[in-house]
Amino acid sequence: MKENTFIVIQATLEHIGYADQICHEMAESAKARGTGIAKRAPEYVANKMLEGKAVIALHPDGTWAGFCYIETWSHNKFVANSGLIVNPIFRNCGLAKAIKRTIFDLSCTKYPEAKIFGLTTGLAVMKINSELGYEPVTYAQLTQDEEFWKGCQSCVNYEILMSKDRKNCLCTAMLWDPTDKKNQPTHEEKKSCFSL
């Protein structure tokens, strides 16, 4: 199955019914991988949809296929594309890449001056982020907004983060800076990276 089989769009009010399933799958996926993830309540996910800060992927039959949302920090100077999740029955077909591309584009449209960053333990996400022009950075280069770091409290690795004074953890920090043109893929590179 190819990623173009799916509908990948900005989530709206009509999609809030998927919030429970999305949160359940986020938790199950983290448990299965044995990695940490900041837990989110269905109300939080639904609110992201209502704010226009989320992307959802659906199979043409209406089955939920994937999701990702935007968080903003430090007065919109930093944006995180968080909570990337793909329904297990639709994994390994390029859908995560399509979702990341769509949420990245939405972030650039909504916050054109913001640095976009992510923290991840997943190799697949690191590869996608690299294709988008993100580069590995130190934690000191991320937002220092206390609210962001509070979000890590529900992660199983939070004690590690705090024992290192928030200087590093098990996640790799990656950052895309809109002022750094060398990190931005050309139009042709974007097309080749994201068409399957």
C-alpha atoms as a PDB file:
ATOM      1  CA  MET A   1       0.000   0.000   0.000  1.00  0.00           C
ATOM      2  CA  LYS A   2       1.388   3.415  -0.957  1.00  0.00           C
ATOM      3  CA  GLU A   3       1.132   6.654   1.024  1.00  0.00           C
ATOM      4  CA  ASN A   4      -0.936   8.214  -1.772  1.00  0.00           C
ATOM      5  CA  THR A   5      -3.699   5.729  -0.907  1.00  0.00           C
ATOM      6  CA  PHE A   6      -4.385   7.862   2.170  1.00  0.00           C
ATOM      7  CA  ILE A   7      -5.966  11.241   2.803  1.00  0.00           C
ATOM      8  CA  VAL A   8      -3.490  13.382   4.794  1.00  0.00           C
ATOM      9  CA  ILE A   9      -5.088  16.667   5.861  1.00  0.00           C
ATOM     10  CA  GLN A  10      -5.243  19.306   8.564  1.00  0.00           C
ATOM     11  CA  ALA A  11      -7.412  17.896  11.356  1.00  0.00           C
ATOM     12  CA  THR A  12     -10.642  19.697  12.289  1.00  0.00           C
ATOM     13  CA  LEU A  13     -13.683  19.370  14.534  1.00  0.00           C
ATOM     14  CA  GLU A  14     -14.935  16.442  12.462  1.00  0.00           C
ATOM     15  CA  HIS A  15     -11.898  14.364  13.505  1.00  0.00           C
ATOM     16  CA  ILE A  16     -12.053  14.688  17.312  1.00  0.00           C
ATOM     17  CA  GLY A  17     -13.761  11.296  17.534  1.00  0.00           C
ATOM     18  CA  TYR A  18     -10.380   9.730  16.723  1.00  0.00           C
ATOM     19  CA  ALA A  19      -8.633  11.283  19.768  1.00  0.00           C
ATOM     20  CA  ASP A  20      -9.090   8.268  22.089  1.00  0.00           C
ATOM     21  CA  GLN A  21      -7.755   5.857  19.486  1.00  0.00           C
ATOM     22  CA  ILE A  22      -4.781   8.117  18.738  1.00  0.00           C
ATOM     23  CA  CYS A  23      -3.798   8.417  22.427  1.00  0.00           C
ATOM     24  CA  HIS A  24      -4.234   4.695  22.988  1.00  0.00           C
ATOM     25  CA  GLU A  25      -1.994   3.889  20.037  1.00  0.00           C
ATOM     26  CA  MET A  26       0.659   6.401  21.150  1.00  0.00           C
ATOM     27  CA  ALA A  27       0.870   4.690  24.542  1.00  0.00           C
ATOM     28  CA  GLU A  28       0.846   1.159  23.094  1.00  0.00           C
ATOM     29  CA  SER A  29       3.506   2.005  20.536  1.00  0.00           C
ATOM     30  CA  ALA A  30       5.828   3.475  23.165  1.00  0.00           C
ATOM     31  CA  LYS A  31       5.293   0.417  25.357  1.00  0.00           C
ATOM     32  CA  ALA A  32       6.026  -1.982  22.482  1.00  0.00           C
ATOM     33  CA  ARG A  33       9.219  -0.113  21.533  1.00  0.00           C
ATOM     34  CA  GLY A  34      10.324   0.172  25.151  1.00  0.00           C
ATOM     35  CA  THR A  35      10.931   3.880  24.680  1.00  0.00           C
ATOM     36  CA  GLY A  36       9.647   6.919  26.447  1.00  0.00           C
ATOM     37  CA  ILE A  37       7.026   9.287  25.163  1.00  0.00           C
ATOM     38  CA  ALA A  38       5.231  12.173  26.788  1.00  0.00           C
ATOM     39  CA  LYS A  39       1.677  10.973  27.365  1.00  0.00           C
ATOM     40  CA  ARG A  40      -1.186  13.071  26.045  1.00  0.00           C
ATOM     41  CA  ALA A  41      -4.848  12.964  27.049  1.00  0.00           C
ATOM     42  CA  PRO A  42      -7.568  12.641  24.383  1.00  0.00           C
ATOM     43  CA  GLU A  43      -8.765  16.137  25.346  1.00  0.00           C
ATOM     44  CA  TYR A  44      -5.325  17.544  24.557  1.00  0.00           C
ATOM     45  CA  VAL A  45      -5.268  15.857  21.135  1.00  0.00           C
ATOM     46  CA  ALA A  46      -8.834  17.001  20.386  1.00  0.00           C
ATOM     47  CA  ASN A  47      -7.896  20.562  21.327  1.00  0.00           C
ATOM     48  CA  LYS A  48      -4.973  20.478  18.872  1.00  0.00           C
ATOM     49  CA  MET A  49      -7.452  19.495  16.169  1.00  0.00           C
ATOM     50  CA  LEU A  50      -9.797  22.337  17.112  1.00  0.00           C
ATOM     51  CA  GLU A  51      -6.895  24.833  17.054  1.00  0.00           C
ATOM     52  CA  GLY A  52      -5.906  23.772  13.531  1.00  0.00           C
ATOM     53  CA  LYS A  53      -2.565  22.498  14.854  1.00  0.00           C
ATOM     54  CA  ALA A  54      -2.792  18.854  13.827  1.00  0.00           C
ATOM     55  CA  VAL A  55      -2.625  16.611  10.790  1.00  0.00           C
ATOM     56  CA  ILE A  56      -4.576  13.397  10.448  1.00  0.00           C
ATOM     57  CA  ALA A  57      -4.266  10.598   7.907  1.00  0.00           C
ATOM     58  CA  LEU A  58      -7.283   8.519   6.977  1.00  0.00           C
ATOM     59  CA  HIS A  59      -7.762   5.525   4.749  1.00  0.00           C
ATOM     60  CA  PRO A  60     -10.428   6.190   2.089  1.00  0.00           C
ATOM     61  CA  ASP A  61     -12.788   3.906   4.051  1.00  0.00           C
ATOM     62  CA  GLY A  62     -12.527   6.283   7.052  1.00  0.00           C
ATOM     63  CA  THR A  63     -10.157   4.158   9.138  1.00  0.00           C
ATOM     64  CA  TRP A  64      -7.749   6.282  11.182  1.00  0.00           C
ATOM     65  CA  ALA A  65      -4.261   5.851   9.722  1.00  0.00           C
ATOM     66  CA  GLY A  66      -1.972   8.405  11.394  1.00  0.00           C
ATOM     67  CA  PHE A  67      -1.563  11.659  13.278  1.00  0.00           C
ATOM     68  CA  CYS A  68       0.851  14.414  14.325  1.00  0.00           C
ATOM     69  CA  TYR A  69       0.391  17.788  16.051  1.00  0.00           C
ATOM     70  CA  ILE A  70       2.078  21.169  16.521  1.00  0.00           C
ATOM     71  CA  GLU A  71       3.200  22.671  19.817  1.00  0.00           C
ATOM     72  CA  THR A  72       4.609  26.191  20.135  1.00  0.00           C
ATOM     73  CA  TRP A  73       7.086  27.495  22.694  1.00  0.00           C
ATOM     74  CA  SER A  74       8.946  30.682  23.641  1.00  0.00           C
ATOM     75  CA  HIS A  75       6.328  33.022  22.132  1.00  0.00           C
ATOM     76  CA  ASN A  76       6.150  31.041  18.858  1.00  0.00           C
ATOM     77  CA  LYS A  77       9.926  31.201  18.299  1.00  0.00           C
ATOM     78  CA  PHE A  78      10.077  27.407  18.525  1.00  0.00           C
ATOM     79  CA  VAL A  79       7.672  24.859  17.077  1.00  0.00           C
ATOM     80  CA  ALA A  80       7.662  21.127  17.743  1.00  0.00           C
ATOM     81  CA  ASN A  81       5.964  18.575  15.514  1.00  0.00           C
ATOM     82  CA  SER A  82       4.997  16.038  18.149  1.00  0.00           C
ATOM     83  CA  GLY A  83       3.131  12.812  18.642  1.00  0.00           C
ATOM     84  CA  LEU A  84       3.770  11.258  15.226  1.00  0.00           C
ATOM     85  CA  ILE A  85       1.902   7.967  15.190  1.00  0.00           C
ATOM     86  CA  VAL A  86       0.831   5.584  12.437  1.00  0.00           C
ATOM     87  CA  ASN A  87      -1.828   2.914  12.871  1.00  0.00           C
ATOM     88  CA  PRO A  88       0.054  -0.435  13.027  1.00  0.00           C
ATOM     89  CA  ILE A  89      -1.973  -1.880  10.153  1.00  0.00           C
ATOM     90  CA  PHE A  90      -0.677   0.900   7.876  1.00  0.00           C
ATOM     91  CA  ARG A  91       2.998   0.960   8.851  1.00  0.00           C
ATOM     92  CA  ASN A  92       5.900   0.508   6.426  1.00  0.00           C
ATOM     93  CA  CYS A  93       4.213   2.129   3.446  1.00  0.00           C
ATOM     94  CA  GLY A  94       5.615   5.670   3.646  1.00  0.00           C
ATOM     95  CA  LEU A  95       2.702   7.173   5.531  1.00  0.00           C
ATOM     96  CA  ALA A  96       4.847   8.596   8.369  1.00  0.00           C
ATOM     97  CA  LYS A  97       6.855  10.515   5.776  1.00  0.00           C
ATOM     98  CA  ALA A  98       3.689  11.980   4.230  1.00  0.00           C
ATOM     99  CA  ILE A  99       2.360  12.996   7.663  1.00  0.00           C
ATOM    100  CA  LYS A 100       5.684  14.612   8.652  1.00  0.00           C
ATOM    101  CA  ARG A 101       5.843  16.503   5.350  1.00  0.00           C
ATOM    102  CA  THR A 102       2.286  17.791   5.834  1.00  0.00           C
ATOM    103  CA  ILE A 103       2.783  18.859   9.473  1.00  0.00           C
ATOM    104  CA  PHE A 104       6.125  20.452   8.539  1.00  0.00           C
ATOM    105  CA  ASP A 105       4.457  22.464   5.757  1.00  0.00           C
ATOM    106  CA  LEU A 106       1.608  23.461   8.100  1.00  0.00           C
ATOM    107  CA  SER A 107       4.156  24.589  10.711  1.00  0.00           C
ATOM    108  CA  CYS A 108       6.064  26.671   8.144  1.00  0.00           C
ATOM    109  CA  THR A 109       2.813  28.282   6.995  1.00  0.00           C
ATOM    110  CA  LYS A 110       1.509  29.064  10.485  1.00  0.00           C
ATOM    111  CA  TYR A 111       4.892  30.037  11.997  1.00  0.00           C
ATOM    112  CA  PRO A 112       7.238  31.116   9.156  1.00  0.00           C
ATOM    113  CA  GLU A 113       9.872  32.604  11.495  1.00  0.00           C
ATOM    114  CA  ALA A 114       9.952  29.693  13.962  1.00  0.00           C
ATOM    115  CA  LYS A 115      12.654  27.111  14.434  1.00  0.00           C
ATOM    116  CA  ILE A 116      11.101  23.655  14.158  1.00  0.00           C
ATOM    117  CA  PHE A 117      12.501  20.968  16.418  1.00  0.00           C
ATOM    118  CA  GLY A 118      11.898  17.470  17.600  1.00  0.00           C
ATOM    119  CA  LEU A 119      13.096  15.000  20.186  1.00  0.00           C
ATOM    120  CA  THR A 120      12.978  11.370  19.144  1.00  0.00           C
ATOM    121  CA  THR A 121      14.418   7.945  19.837  1.00  0.00           C
ATOM    122  CA  GLY A 122      13.145   6.584  16.513  1.00  0.00           C
ATOM    123  CA  LEU A 123      15.571   6.064  13.630  1.00  0.00           C
ATOM    124  CA  ALA A 124      12.786   6.353  11.040  1.00  0.00           C
ATOM    125  CA  VAL A 125      11.772   9.778  12.386  1.00  0.00           C
ATOM    126  CA  MET A 126      15.417  10.893  12.443  1.00  0.00           C
ATOM    127  CA  LYS A 127      15.753   9.950   8.767  1.00  0.00           C
ATOM    128  CA  ILE A 128      12.571  11.794   7.816  1.00  0.00           C
ATOM    129  CA  ASN A 129      13.662  14.853   9.807  1.00  0.00           C
ATOM    130  CA  SER A 130      17.037  14.804   8.023  1.00  0.00           C
ATOM    131  CA  GLU A 131      15.286  14.714   4.644  1.00  0.00           C
ATOM    132  CA  LEU A 132      13.303  17.781   5.706  1.00  0.00           C
ATOM    133  CA  GLY A 133      16.516  19.652   6.543  1.00  0.00           C
ATOM    134  CA  TYR A 134      16.661  19.173  10.313  1.00  0.00           C
ATOM    135  CA  GLU A 135      20.098  18.759  11.869  1.00  0.00           C
ATOM    136  CA  PRO A 136      21.109  17.111  15.152  1.00  0.00           C
ATOM    137  CA  VAL A 137      21.683  19.713  17.878  1.00  0.00           C
ATOM    138  CA  THR A 138      22.373  19.914  21.588  1.00  0.00           C
ATOM    139  CA  TYR A 139      19.509  20.327  24.014  1.00  0.00           C
ATOM    140  CA  ALA A 140      20.823  23.833  24.777  1.00  0.00           C
ATOM    141  CA  GLN A 141      19.789  24.862  21.236  1.00  0.00           C
ATOM    142  CA  LEU A 142      16.154  23.964  21.897  1.00  0.00           C
ATOM    143  CA  THR A 143      13.566  26.081  23.636  1.00  0.00           C
ATOM    144  CA  GLN A 144      14.268  26.579  27.313  1.00  0.00           C
ATOM    145  CA  ASP A 145      10.574  27.204  27.985  1.00  0.00           C
ATOM    146  CA  GLU A 146       9.717  25.473  31.275  1.00  0.00           C
ATOM    147  CA  GLU A 147       6.341  24.358  29.914  1.00  0.00           C
ATOM    148  CA  PHE A 148       8.071  22.361  27.186  1.00  0.00           C
ATOM    149  CA  TRP A 149      10.255  20.508  29.655  1.00  0.00           C
ATOM    150  CA  LYS A 150       7.259  19.832  31.919  1.00  0.00           C
ATOM    151  CA  GLY A 151       5.817  17.847  29.020  1.00  0.00           C
ATOM    152  CA  CYS A 152       8.645  15.350  29.471  1.00  0.00           C
ATOM    153  CA  GLN A 153       7.495  14.518  33.023  1.00  0.00           C
ATOM    154  CA  SER A 154       5.224  11.705  31.843  1.00  0.00           C
ATOM    155  CA  CYS A 155       8.061  10.046  29.892  1.00  0.00           C
ATOM    156  CA  VAL A 156       9.661   6.972  31.486  1.00  0.00           C
ATOM    157  CA  ASN A 157      13.078   8.571  30.898  1.00  0.00           C
ATOM    158  CA  TYR A 158      12.324  11.813  32.760  1.00  0.00           C
ATOM    159  CA  GLU A 159      14.667  10.953  35.644  1.00  0.00           C
ATOM    160  CA  ILE A 160      17.526  10.540  33.166  1.00  0.00           C
ATOM    161  CA  LEU A 161      16.779  13.949  31.642  1.00  0.00           C
ATOM    162  CA  MET A 162      16.746  15.628  35.036  1.00  0.00           C
ATOM    163  CA  SER A 163      19.864  13.830  36.275  1.00  0.00           C
ATOM    164  CA  LYS A 164      21.664  15.362  33.276  1.00  0.00           C
ATOM    165  CA  ASP A 165      20.321  18.873  34.044  1.00  0.00           C
ATOM    166  CA  ARG A 166      18.285  18.768  30.803  1.00  0.00           C
ATOM    167  CA  LYS A 167      21.503  18.697  28.777  1.00  0.00           C
ATOM    168  CA  ASN A 168      20.755  15.309  27.201  1.00  0.00           C
ATOM    169  CA  CYS A 169      18.640  12.195  27.465  1.00  0.00           C
ATOM    170  CA  LEU A 170      17.867   9.154  25.312  1.00  0.00           C
ATOM    171  CA  CYS A 171      16.163  11.273  22.642  1.00  0.00           C
ATOM    172  CA  THR A 172      18.095  12.865  19.802  1.00  0.00           C
ATOM    173  CA  ALA A 173      17.375  16.582  19.435  1.00  0.00           C
ATOM    174  CA  MET A 174      16.932  17.805  15.850  1.00  0.00           C
ATOM    175  CA  LEU A 175      16.318  21.353  14.644  1.00  0.00           C
ATOM    176  CA  TRP A 176      15.302  23.065  11.398  1.00  0.00           C
ATOM    177  CA  ASP A 177      16.174  26.748  11.258  1.00  0.00           C
ATOM    178  CA  PRO A 178      14.362  28.842   8.617  1.00  0.00           C
ATOM    179  CA  THR A 179      17.314  31.255   8.462  1.00  0.00           C
ATOM    180  CA  ASP A 180      19.773  28.487   7.594  1.00  0.00           C
ATOM    181  CA  LYS A 181      19.167  28.003   3.863  1.00  0.00           C
ATOM    182  CA  LYS A 182      21.714  25.178   3.511  1.00  0.00           C
ATOM    183  CA  ASN A 183      19.461  22.913   5.578  1.00  0.00           C
ATOM    184  CA  GLN A 184      16.442  23.441   3.364  1.00  0.00           C
ATOM    185  CA  PRO A 185      15.844  20.875   0.629  1.00  0.00           C
ATOM    186  CA  THR A 186      15.232  22.287  -2.829  1.00  0.00           C
ATOM    187  CA  HIS A 187      11.821  21.911  -4.440  1.00  0.00           C
ATOM    188  CA  GLU A 188      13.144  18.972  -6.495  1.00  0.00           C
ATOM    189  CA  GLU A 189      14.649  17.308  -3.411  1.00  0.00           C
ATOM    190  CA  LYS A 190      11.355  17.669  -1.571  1.00  0.00           C
ATOM    191  CA  LYS A 191       9.491  16.042  -4.449  1.00  0.00           C
ATOM    192  CA  SER A 192      11.941  13.136  -4.676  1.00  0.00           C
ATOM    193  CA  CYS A 193      11.999  12.582  -0.906  1.00  0.00           C
ATOM    194  CA  PHE A 194       8.262  12.492  -0.525  1.00  0.00           C
ATOM    195  CA  SER A 195       6.898  10.799  -3.596  1.00  0.00           C
ATOM    196  CA  LEU A 196       6.729   7.027  -3.464  1.00  0.00           C
END
